Amino acid sequence: SFSKGQKGSSAMPHKRNPISSENICGCSRVMRGYMHT
Protein backbone atom coordinates (compact mmCIF):
# COMPACT_ATOMS: atom_id res chain seq x y z
CA SER A 1 0.00 0.00 0.00
CA PHE A 2 1.14 3.54 -0.76
CA SER A 3 -0.21 6.13 1.63
CA LYS A 4 -1.16 9.71 0.79
CA GLY A 5 1.91 11.90 1.01
CA GLN A 6 4.32 8.96 0.83
CA LYS A 7 7.35 9.41 -1.42
CA GLY A 8 8.97 6.63 -3.41
CA SER A 9 12.05 8.44 -4.65
CA SER A 10 13.73 11.78 -4.06
CA ALA A 11 14.47 12.03 -7.80
CA MET A 12 11.61 10.20 -9.54
CA PRO A 13 8.10 11.30 -8.51
CA HIS A 14 6.44 8.29 -10.14
CA LYS A 15 8.19 5.66 -7.99
CA ARG A 16 6.22 3.27 -5.70
CA ASN A 17 8.86 1.02 -4.19
CA PRO A 18 8.43 -2.14 -2.04
CA ILE A 19 10.44 -0.54 0.73
CA SER A 20 8.84 -2.44 3.61
CA SER A 21 9.47 -5.83 2.03
CA GLU A 22 13.03 -4.79 1.28
CA ASN A 23 13.36 -3.76 4.92
CA ILE A 24 12.25 -7.23 6.01
CA CYS A 25 14.85 -8.85 3.75
CA GLY A 26 17.61 -6.69 5.20
CA CYS A 27 16.56 -7.30 8.81
CA SER A 28 16.52 -11.05 8.16
CA ARG A 29 20.19 -10.90 7.20
CA VAL A 30 20.94 -9.28 10.55
CA MET A 31 19.02 -12.04 12.35
CA ARG A 32 21.12 -14.72 10.69
CA GLY A 33 24.18 -12.85 11.89
CA TYR A 34 22.92 -13.16 15.46
CA MET A 35 22.49 -16.89 14.86
CA HIS A 36 26.14 -17.22 13.91
CA THR A 37 27.18 -15.41 17.09
All heavy atoms as atom14 arrays in JSON, in Angstrom:
{
  "sequence": "SFSKGQKGSSAMPHKRNPISSENICGCSRVMRGYMHT",
  "atom14_mask": [
    [1, 1, 1, 1, 1, 1, 0, 0, 0, 0, 0, 0, 0, 0],
    [1, 1, 1, 1, 1, 1, 1, 1, 1, 1, 1, 0, 0, 0],
    [1, 1, 1, 1, 1, 1, 0, 0, 0, 0, 0, 0, 0, 0],
    [1, 1, 1, 1, 1, 1, 1, 1, 1, 0, 0, 0, 0, 0],
    [1, 1, 1, 1, 0, 0, 0, 0, 0, 0, 0, 0, 0, 0],
    [1, 1, 1, 1, 1, 1, 1, 1, 1, 0, 0, 0, 0, 0],
    [1, 1, 1, 1, 1, 1, 1, 1, 1, 0, 0, 0, 0, 0],
    [1, 1, 1, 1, 0, 0, 0, 0, 0, 0, 0, 0, 0, 0],
    [1, 1, 1, 1, 1, 1, 0, 0, 0, 0, 0, 0, 0, 0],
    [1, 1, 1, 1, 1, 1, 0, 0, 0, 0, 0, 0, 0, 0],
    [1, 1, 1, 1, 1, 0, 0, 0, 0, 0, 0, 0, 0, 0],
    [1, 1, 1, 1, 1, 1, 1, 1, 0, 0, 0, 0, 0, 0],
    [1, 1, 1, 1, 1, 1, 1, 0, 0, 0, 0, 0, 0, 0],
    [1, 1, 1, 1, 1, 1, 1, 1, 1, 1, 0, 0, 0, 0],
    [1, 1, 1, 1, 1, 1, 1, 1, 1, 0, 0, 0, 0, 0],
    [1, 1, 1, 1, 1, 1, 1, 1, 1, 1, 1, 0, 0, 0],
    [1, 1, 1, 1, 1, 1, 1, 1, 0, 0, 0, 0, 0, 0],
    [1, 1, 1, 1, 1, 1, 1, 0, 0, 0, 0, 0, 0, 0],
    [1, 1, 1, 1, 1, 1, 1, 1, 0, 0, 0, 0, 0, 0],
    [1, 1, 1, 1, 1, 1, 0, 0, 0, 0, 0, 0, 0, 0],
    [1, 1, 1, 1, 1, 1, 0, 0, 0, 0, 0, 0, 0, 0],
    [1, 1, 1, 1, 1, 1, 1, 1, 1, 0, 0, 0, 0, 0],
    [1, 1, 1, 1, 1, 1, 1, 1, 0, 0, 0, 0, 0, 0],
    [1, 1, 1, 1, 1, 1, 1, 1, 0, 0, 0, 0, 0, 0],
    [1, 1, 1, 1, 1, 1, 0, 0, 0, 0, 0, 0, 0, 0],
    [1, 1, 1, 1, 0, 0, 0, 0, 0, 0, 0, 0, 0, 0],
    [1, 1, 1, 1, 1, 1, 0, 0, 0, 0, 0, 0, 0, 0],
    [1, 1, 1, 1, 1, 1, 0, 0, 0, 0, 0, 0, 0, 0],
    [1, 1, 1, 1, 1, 1, 1, 1, 1, 1, 1, 0, 0, 0],
    [1, 1, 1, 1, 1, 1, 1, 0, 0, 0, 0, 0, 0, 0],
    [1, 1, 1, 1, 1, 1, 1, 1, 0, 0, 0, 0, 0, 0],
    [1, 1, 1, 1, 1, 1, 1, 1, 1, 1, 1, 0, 0, 0],
    [1, 1, 1, 1, 0, 0, 0, 0, 0, 0, 0, 0, 0, 0],
    [1, 1, 1, 1, 1, 1, 1, 1, 1, 1, 1, 1, 0, 0],
    [1, 1, 1, 1, 1, 1, 1, 1, 0, 0, 0, 0, 0, 0],
    [1, 1, 1, 1, 1, 1, 1, 1, 1, 1, 0, 0, 0, 0],
    [1, 1, 1, 1, 1, 1, 1, 0, 0, 0, 0, 0, 0, 0]
  ],
  "atom14_positions": [
    [[0.84, -1.19, 0.0], [0.0, 0.0, 0.0], [0.88, 1.25, 0.0], [1.98, 1.25, 0.56], [-0.93, 0.0, 1.21], [-0.18, 0.06, 2.42], [0.0, 0.0, 0.0], [0.0, 0.0, 0.0], [0.0, 0.0, 0.0], [0.0, 0.0, 0.0], [0.0, 0.0, 0.0], [0.0, 0.0, 0.0], [0.0, 0.0, 0.0], [0.0, 0.0, 0.0]],
    [[0.4, 2.28, -0.62], [1.14, 3.54, -0.76], [0.27, 4.65, -0.21], [-0.76, 5.0, -0.78], [1.48, 3.79, -2.23], [2.58, 4.78, -2.46], [3.91, 4.4, -2.37], [2.29, 6.1, -2.78], [4.93, 5.31, -2.59], [3.3, 7.01, -3.0], [4.63, 6.62, -2.91], [0.0, 0.0, 0.0], [0.0, 0.0, 0.0], [0.0, 0.0, 0.0]],
    [[0.64, 5.17, 0.93], [-0.21, 6.13, 1.63], [-0.12, 7.52, 1.01], [0.85, 7.87, 0.32], [0.17, 6.2, 3.11], [1.51, 6.59, 3.26], [0.0, 0.0, 0.0], [0.0, 0.0, 0.0], [0.0, 0.0, 0.0], [0.0, 0.0, 0.0], [0.0, 0.0, 0.0], [0.0, 0.0, 0.0], [0.0, 0.0, 0.0], [0.0, 0.0, 0.0]],
    [[-1.13, 8.33, 1.26], [-1.16, 9.71, 0.79], [0.0, 10.48, 1.4], [0.23, 10.47, 2.6], [-2.49, 10.37, 1.16], [-2.66, 11.77, 0.6], [-4.01, 12.35, 0.95], [-4.16, 13.75, 0.37], [-5.47, 14.35, 0.73], [0.0, 0.0, 0.0], [0.0, 0.0, 0.0], [0.0, 0.0, 0.0], [0.0, 0.0, 0.0], [0.0, 0.0, 0.0]],
    [[0.75, 11.13, 0.55], [1.91, 11.9, 1.01], [3.2, 11.11, 1.02], [4.28, 11.69, 1.2], [0.0, 0.0, 0.0], [0.0, 0.0, 0.0], [0.0, 0.0, 0.0], [0.0, 0.0, 0.0], [0.0, 0.0, 0.0], [0.0, 0.0, 0.0], [0.0, 0.0, 0.0], [0.0, 0.0, 0.0], [0.0, 0.0, 0.0], [0.0, 0.0, 0.0]],
    [[3.12, 9.78, 0.86], [4.32, 8.96, 0.83], [5.14, 9.27, -0.42], [4.6, 9.58, -1.49], [3.95, 7.47, 0.86], [5.15, 6.54, 0.95], [4.74, 5.08, 1.08], [3.63, 4.77, 1.52], [5.61, 4.15, 0.71], [0.0, 0.0, 0.0], [0.0, 0.0, 0.0], [0.0, 0.0, 0.0], [0.0, 0.0, 0.0], [0.0, 0.0, 0.0]],
    [[6.44, 9.16, -0.31], [7.35, 9.41, -1.42], [8.14, 8.15, -1.72], [8.66, 7.51, -0.82], [8.29, 10.58, -1.11], [7.58, 11.88, -0.73], [6.79, 12.46, -1.87], [6.19, 13.82, -1.53], [5.0, 13.71, -0.64], [0.0, 0.0, 0.0], [0.0, 0.0, 0.0], [0.0, 0.0, 0.0], [0.0, 0.0, 0.0], [0.0, 0.0, 0.0]],
    [[8.23, 7.82, -3.01], [8.97, 6.63, -3.41], [10.41, 6.9, -3.76], [11.27, 6.05, -3.62], [0.0, 0.0, 0.0], [0.0, 0.0, 0.0], [0.0, 0.0, 0.0], [0.0, 0.0, 0.0], [0.0, 0.0, 0.0], [0.0, 0.0, 0.0], [0.0, 0.0, 0.0], [0.0, 0.0, 0.0], [0.0, 0.0, 0.0], [0.0, 0.0, 0.0]],
    [[10.7, 8.09, -4.24], [12.05, 8.44, -4.65], [12.24, 9.94, -4.52], [11.32, 10.72, -4.78], [12.3, 8.01, -6.1], [13.47, 8.61, -6.64], [0.0, 0.0, 0.0], [0.0, 0.0, 0.0], [0.0, 0.0, 0.0], [0.0, 0.0, 0.0], [0.0, 0.0, 0.0], [0.0, 0.0, 0.0], [0.0, 0.0, 0.0], [0.0, 0.0, 0.0]],
    [[13.43, 10.36, -4.13], [13.73, 11.78, -4.06], [13.91, 12.4, -5.44], [13.81, 13.62, -5.61], [14.99, 12.03, -3.22], [16.12, 11.41, -3.84], [0.0, 0.0, 0.0], [0.0, 0.0, 0.0], [0.0, 0.0, 0.0], [0.0, 0.0, 0.0], [0.0, 0.0, 0.0], [0.0, 0.0, 0.0], [0.0, 0.0, 0.0], [0.0, 0.0, 0.0]],
    [[14.2, 11.55, -6.44], [14.47, 12.03, -7.8], [13.35, 11.75, -8.79], [13.16, 12.5, -9.75], [15.77, 11.41, -8.31], [0.0, 0.0, 0.0], [0.0, 0.0, 0.0], [0.0, 0.0, 0.0], [0.0, 0.0, 0.0], [0.0, 0.0, 0.0], [0.0, 0.0, 0.0], [0.0, 0.0, 0.0], [0.0, 0.0, 0.0], [0.0, 0.0, 0.0]],
    [[12.6, 10.65, -8.57], [11.61, 10.2, -9.54], [10.23, 10.18, -8.9], [9.89, 9.25, -8.17], [12.0, 8.81, -10.05], [13.33, 8.78, -10.8], [13.97, 7.1, -11.04], [14.6, 6.73, -9.38], [0.0, 0.0, 0.0], [0.0, 0.0, 0.0], [0.0, 0.0, 0.0], [0.0, 0.0, 0.0], [0.0, 0.0, 0.0], [0.0, 0.0, 0.0]],
    [[9.4, 11.19, -9.18], [8.1, 11.3, -8.51], [7.14, 10.14, -8.76], [6.21, 9.95, -7.99], [7.54, 12.61, -9.09], [8.74, 13.39, -9.51], [9.71, 12.37, -10.01], [0.0, 0.0, 0.0], [0.0, 0.0, 0.0], [0.0, 0.0, 0.0], [0.0, 0.0, 0.0], [0.0, 0.0, 0.0], [0.0, 0.0, 0.0], [0.0, 0.0, 0.0]],
    [[7.38, 9.37, -9.82], [6.44, 8.29, -10.14], [6.68, 7.02, -9.32], [5.83, 6.11, -9.33], [6.57, 7.92, -11.63], [7.86, 7.25, -11.98], [9.03, 7.94, -12.18], [8.19, 5.92, -12.14], [10.0, 7.09, -12.47], [9.52, 5.86, -12.44], [0.0, 0.0, 0.0], [0.0, 0.0, 0.0], [0.0, 0.0, 0.0], [0.0, 0.0, 0.0]],
    [[7.79, 6.92, -8.6], [8.19, 5.66, -7.99], [7.29, 5.24, -6.83], [6.94, 6.03, -5.96], [9.63, 5.73, -7.49], [10.69, 5.85, -8.58], [10.71, 4.66, -9.52], [11.23, 3.4, -8.89], [12.61, 3.46, -8.38], [0.0, 0.0, 0.0], [0.0, 0.0, 0.0], [0.0, 0.0, 0.0], [0.0, 0.0, 0.0], [0.0, 0.0, 0.0]],
    [[6.92, 3.94, -6.8], [6.22, 3.27, -5.7], [7.02, 2.01, -5.41], [6.83, 0.99, -6.07], [4.78, 2.94, -6.08], [3.92, 4.17, -6.35], [2.67, 3.81, -7.13], [1.75, 2.95, -6.4], [0.65, 3.36, -5.8], [0.34, 4.67, -5.82], [-0.15, 2.51, -5.18], [0.0, 0.0, 0.0], [0.0, 0.0, 0.0], [0.0, 0.0, 0.0]],
    [[7.89, 2.08, -4.44], [8.86, 1.02, -4.19], [8.42, 0.1, -3.05], [7.78, 0.55, -2.09], [10.22, 1.61, -3.85], [10.74, 2.52, -4.94], [10.56, 2.27, -6.12], [11.4, 3.61, -4.55], [0.0, 0.0, 0.0], [0.0, 0.0, 0.0], [0.0, 0.0, 0.0], [0.0, 0.0, 0.0], [0.0, 0.0, 0.0], [0.0, 0.0, 0.0]],
    [[8.78, -1.19, -3.11], [8.43, -2.14, -2.04], [9.39, -2.02, -0.86], [10.06, -2.99, -0.47], [8.54, -3.5, -2.74], [9.62, -3.3, -3.75], [9.47, -1.87, -4.24], [0.0, 0.0, 0.0], [0.0, 0.0, 0.0], [0.0, 0.0, 0.0], [0.0, 0.0, 0.0], [0.0, 0.0, 0.0], [0.0, 0.0, 0.0], [0.0, 0.0, 0.0]],
    [[9.42, -0.84, -0.27], [10.44, -0.54, 0.73], [10.29, -1.37, 2.0], [11.27, -1.74, 2.64], [10.47, 0.96, 1.09], [9.1, 1.41, 1.6], [10.9, 1.78, -0.1], [9.12, 2.8, 2.21], [0.0, 0.0, 0.0], [0.0, 0.0, 0.0], [0.0, 0.0, 0.0], [0.0, 0.0, 0.0], [0.0, 0.0, 0.0], [0.0, 0.0, 0.0]],
    [[9.05, -1.67, 2.38], [8.84, -2.44, 3.61], [9.3, -3.88, 3.44], [9.93, -4.45, 4.34], [7.37, -2.39, 4.02], [6.98, -1.1, 4.41], [0.0, 0.0, 0.0], [0.0, 0.0, 0.0], [0.0, 0.0, 0.0], [0.0, 0.0, 0.0], [0.0, 0.0, 0.0], [0.0, 0.0, 0.0], [0.0, 0.0, 0.0], [0.0, 0.0, 0.0]],
    [[9.01, -4.46, 2.29], [9.47, -5.83, 2.03], [10.99, -5.88, 1.93], [11.62, -6.84, 2.38], [8.84, -6.35, 0.74], [7.43, -6.48, 0.88], [0.0, 0.0, 0.0], [0.0, 0.0, 0.0], [0.0, 0.0, 0.0], [0.0, 0.0, 0.0], [0.0, 0.0, 0.0], [0.0, 0.0, 0.0], [0.0, 0.0, 0.0], [0.0, 0.0, 0.0]],
    [[11.58, -4.86, 1.35], [13.03, -4.79, 1.28], [13.62, -4.65, 2.69], [14.67, -5.23, 2.99], [13.46, -3.62, 0.39], [13.16, -3.84, -1.08], [13.38, -2.62, -1.93], [13.47, -1.5, -1.39], [13.45, -2.76, -3.17], [0.0, 0.0, 0.0], [0.0, 0.0, 0.0], [0.0, 0.0, 0.0], [0.0, 0.0, 0.0], [0.0, 0.0, 0.0]],
    [[12.94, -3.9, 3.52], [13.36, -3.76, 4.92], [13.38, -5.11, 5.62], [14.32, -5.44, 6.35], [12.43, -2.79, 5.63], [12.65, -2.72, 7.14], [12.09, -3.52, 7.88], [13.46, -1.78, 7.58], [0.0, 0.0, 0.0], [0.0, 0.0, 0.0], [0.0, 0.0, 0.0], [0.0, 0.0, 0.0], [0.0, 0.0, 0.0], [0.0, 0.0, 0.0]],
    [[12.34, -5.9, 5.4], [12.25, -7.23, 6.01], [13.41, -8.11, 5.55], [14.02, -8.84, 6.35], [10.9, -7.89, 5.68], [9.75, -7.1, 6.28], [10.87, -9.35, 6.15], [9.76, -7.0, 7.78], [0.0, 0.0, 0.0], [0.0, 0.0, 0.0], [0.0, 0.0, 0.0], [0.0, 0.0, 0.0], [0.0, 0.0, 0.0], [0.0, 0.0, 0.0]],
    [[13.74, -8.05, 4.28], [14.85, -8.85, 3.75], [16.17, -8.45, 4.4], [16.99, -9.31, 4.76], [14.94, -8.69, 2.23], [13.54, -9.45, 1.33], [0.0, 0.0, 0.0], [0.0, 0.0, 0.0], [0.0, 0.0, 0.0], [0.0, 0.0, 0.0], [0.0, 0.0, 0.0], [0.0, 0.0, 0.0], [0.0, 0.0, 0.0], [0.0, 0.0, 0.0]],
    [[16.39, -7.16, 4.56], [17.61, -6.69, 5.2], [17.69, -7.08, 6.67], [18.74, -7.53, 7.15], [0.0, 0.0, 0.0], [0.0, 0.0, 0.0], [0.0, 0.0, 0.0], [0.0, 0.0, 0.0], [0.0, 0.0, 0.0], [0.0, 0.0, 0.0], [0.0, 0.0, 0.0], [0.0, 0.0, 0.0], [0.0, 0.0, 0.0], [0.0, 0.0, 0.0]],
    [[16.59, -6.94, 7.39], [16.56, -7.3, 8.81], [16.8, -8.8, 9.0], [17.42, -9.22, 9.98], [15.23, -6.9, 9.43], [15.0, -5.12, 9.63], [0.0, 0.0, 0.0], [0.0, 0.0, 0.0], [0.0, 0.0, 0.0], [0.0, 0.0, 0.0], [0.0, 0.0, 0.0], [0.0, 0.0, 0.0], [0.0, 0.0, 0.0], [0.0, 0.0, 0.0]],
    [[16.32, -9.6, 8.07], [16.52, -11.05, 8.16], [18.0, -11.4, 8.08], [18.46, -12.32, 8.75], [15.75, -11.75, 7.03], [15.92, -13.14, 7.08], [0.0, 0.0, 0.0], [0.0, 0.0, 0.0], [0.0, 0.0, 0.0], [0.0, 0.0, 0.0], [0.0, 0.0, 0.0], [0.0, 0.0, 0.0], [0.0, 0.0, 0.0], [0.0, 0.0, 0.0]],
    [[18.74, -10.67, 7.28], [20.19, -10.9, 7.2], [20.86, -10.63, 8.55], [21.76, -11.37, 8.95], [20.8, -10.01, 6.12], [20.28, -10.29, 4.72], [20.65, -9.19, 3.74], [19.93, -9.34, 2.49], [19.93, -8.45, 1.5], [20.62, -7.33, 1.66], [19.23, -8.65, 0.4], [0.0, 0.0, 0.0], [0.0, 0.0, 0.0], [0.0, 0.0, 0.0]],
    [[20.4, -9.59, 9.23], [20.94, -9.28, 10.55], [20.63, -10.42, 11.53], [21.49, -10.83, 12.32], [20.37, -7.95, 11.07], [20.84, -7.68, 12.5], [20.77, -6.8, 10.16], [0.0, 0.0, 0.0], [0.0, 0.0, 0.0], [0.0, 0.0, 0.0], [0.0, 0.0, 0.0], [0.0, 0.0, 0.0], [0.0, 0.0, 0.0], [0.0, 0.0, 0.0]],
    [[19.42, -10.94, 11.46], [19.02, -12.04, 12.35], [19.9, -13.26, 12.16], [20.28, -13.93, 13.12], [17.56, -12.41, 12.11], [16.56, -11.38, 12.63], [16.51, -11.26, 14.43], [15.81, -12.84, 14.83], [0.0, 0.0, 0.0], [0.0, 0.0, 0.0], [0.0, 0.0, 0.0], [0.0, 0.0, 0.0], [0.0, 0.0, 0.0], [0.0, 0.0, 0.0]],
    [[20.25, -13.57, 10.94], [21.12, -14.72, 10.69], [22.53, -14.46, 11.21], [23.25, -15.4, 11.57], [21.11, -15.09, 9.21], [19.78, -15.69, 8.75], [19.86, -16.3, 7.36], [20.05, -15.33, 6.32], [19.08, -14.65, 5.72], [17.82, -14.84, 6.09], [19.34, -13.78, 4.77], [0.0, 0.0, 0.0], [0.0, 0.0, 0.0], [0.0, 0.0, 0.0]],
    [[22.92, -13.2, 11.26], [24.18, -12.85, 11.89], [24.17, -13.14, 13.39], [25.15, -13.65, 13.94], [0.0, 0.0, 0.0], [0.0, 0.0, 0.0], [0.0, 0.0, 0.0], [0.0, 0.0, 0.0], [0.0, 0.0, 0.0], [0.0, 0.0, 0.0], [0.0, 0.0, 0.0], [0.0, 0.0, 0.0], [0.0, 0.0, 0.0], [0.0, 0.0, 0.0]],
    [[23.06, -12.83, 14.04], [22.92, -13.16, 15.46], [23.02, -14.68, 15.67], [23.58, -15.14, 16.67], [21.57, -12.67, 16.0], [21.39, -11.17, 16.02], [20.12, -10.61, 15.88], [22.46, -10.31, 16.18], [19.93, -9.25, 15.91], [22.28, -8.94, 16.22], [21.01, -8.41, 16.07], [20.82, -7.05, 16.1], [0.0, 0.0, 0.0], [0.0, 0.0, 0.0]],
    [[22.43, -15.43, 14.75], [22.49, -16.89, 14.86], [23.93, -17.38, 14.85], [24.31, -18.23, 15.66], [21.71, -17.52, 13.7], [21.72, -19.04, 13.68], [20.78, -19.74, 12.32], [21.79, -19.24, 10.91], [0.0, 0.0, 0.0], [0.0, 0.0, 0.0], [0.0, 0.0, 0.0], [0.0, 0.0, 0.0], [0.0, 0.0, 0.0], [0.0, 0.0, 0.0]],
    [[24.73, -16.83, 13.97], [26.14, -17.22, 13.91], [26.83, -16.94, 15.24], [27.57, -17.79, 15.76], [26.85, -16.46, 12.78], [28.32, -16.72, 12.71], [28.86, -17.85, 12.16], [29.37, -15.99, 13.16], [30.17, -17.81, 12.25], [30.51, -16.69, 12.86], [0.0, 0.0, 0.0], [0.0, 0.0, 0.0], [0.0, 0.0, 0.0], [0.0, 0.0, 0.0]],
    [[26.58, -15.77, 15.81], [27.18, -15.41, 17.09], [26.74, -16.36, 18.19], [27.54, -16.77, 19.04], [26.81, -13.96, 17.46], [27.25, -13.07, 16.43], [27.44, -13.55, 18.78], [0.0, 0.0, 0.0], [0.0, 0.0, 0.0], [0.0, 0.0, 0.0], [0.0, 0.0, 0.0], [0.0, 0.0, 0.0], [0.0, 0.0, 0.0], [0.0, 0.0, 0.0]]
  ]
}
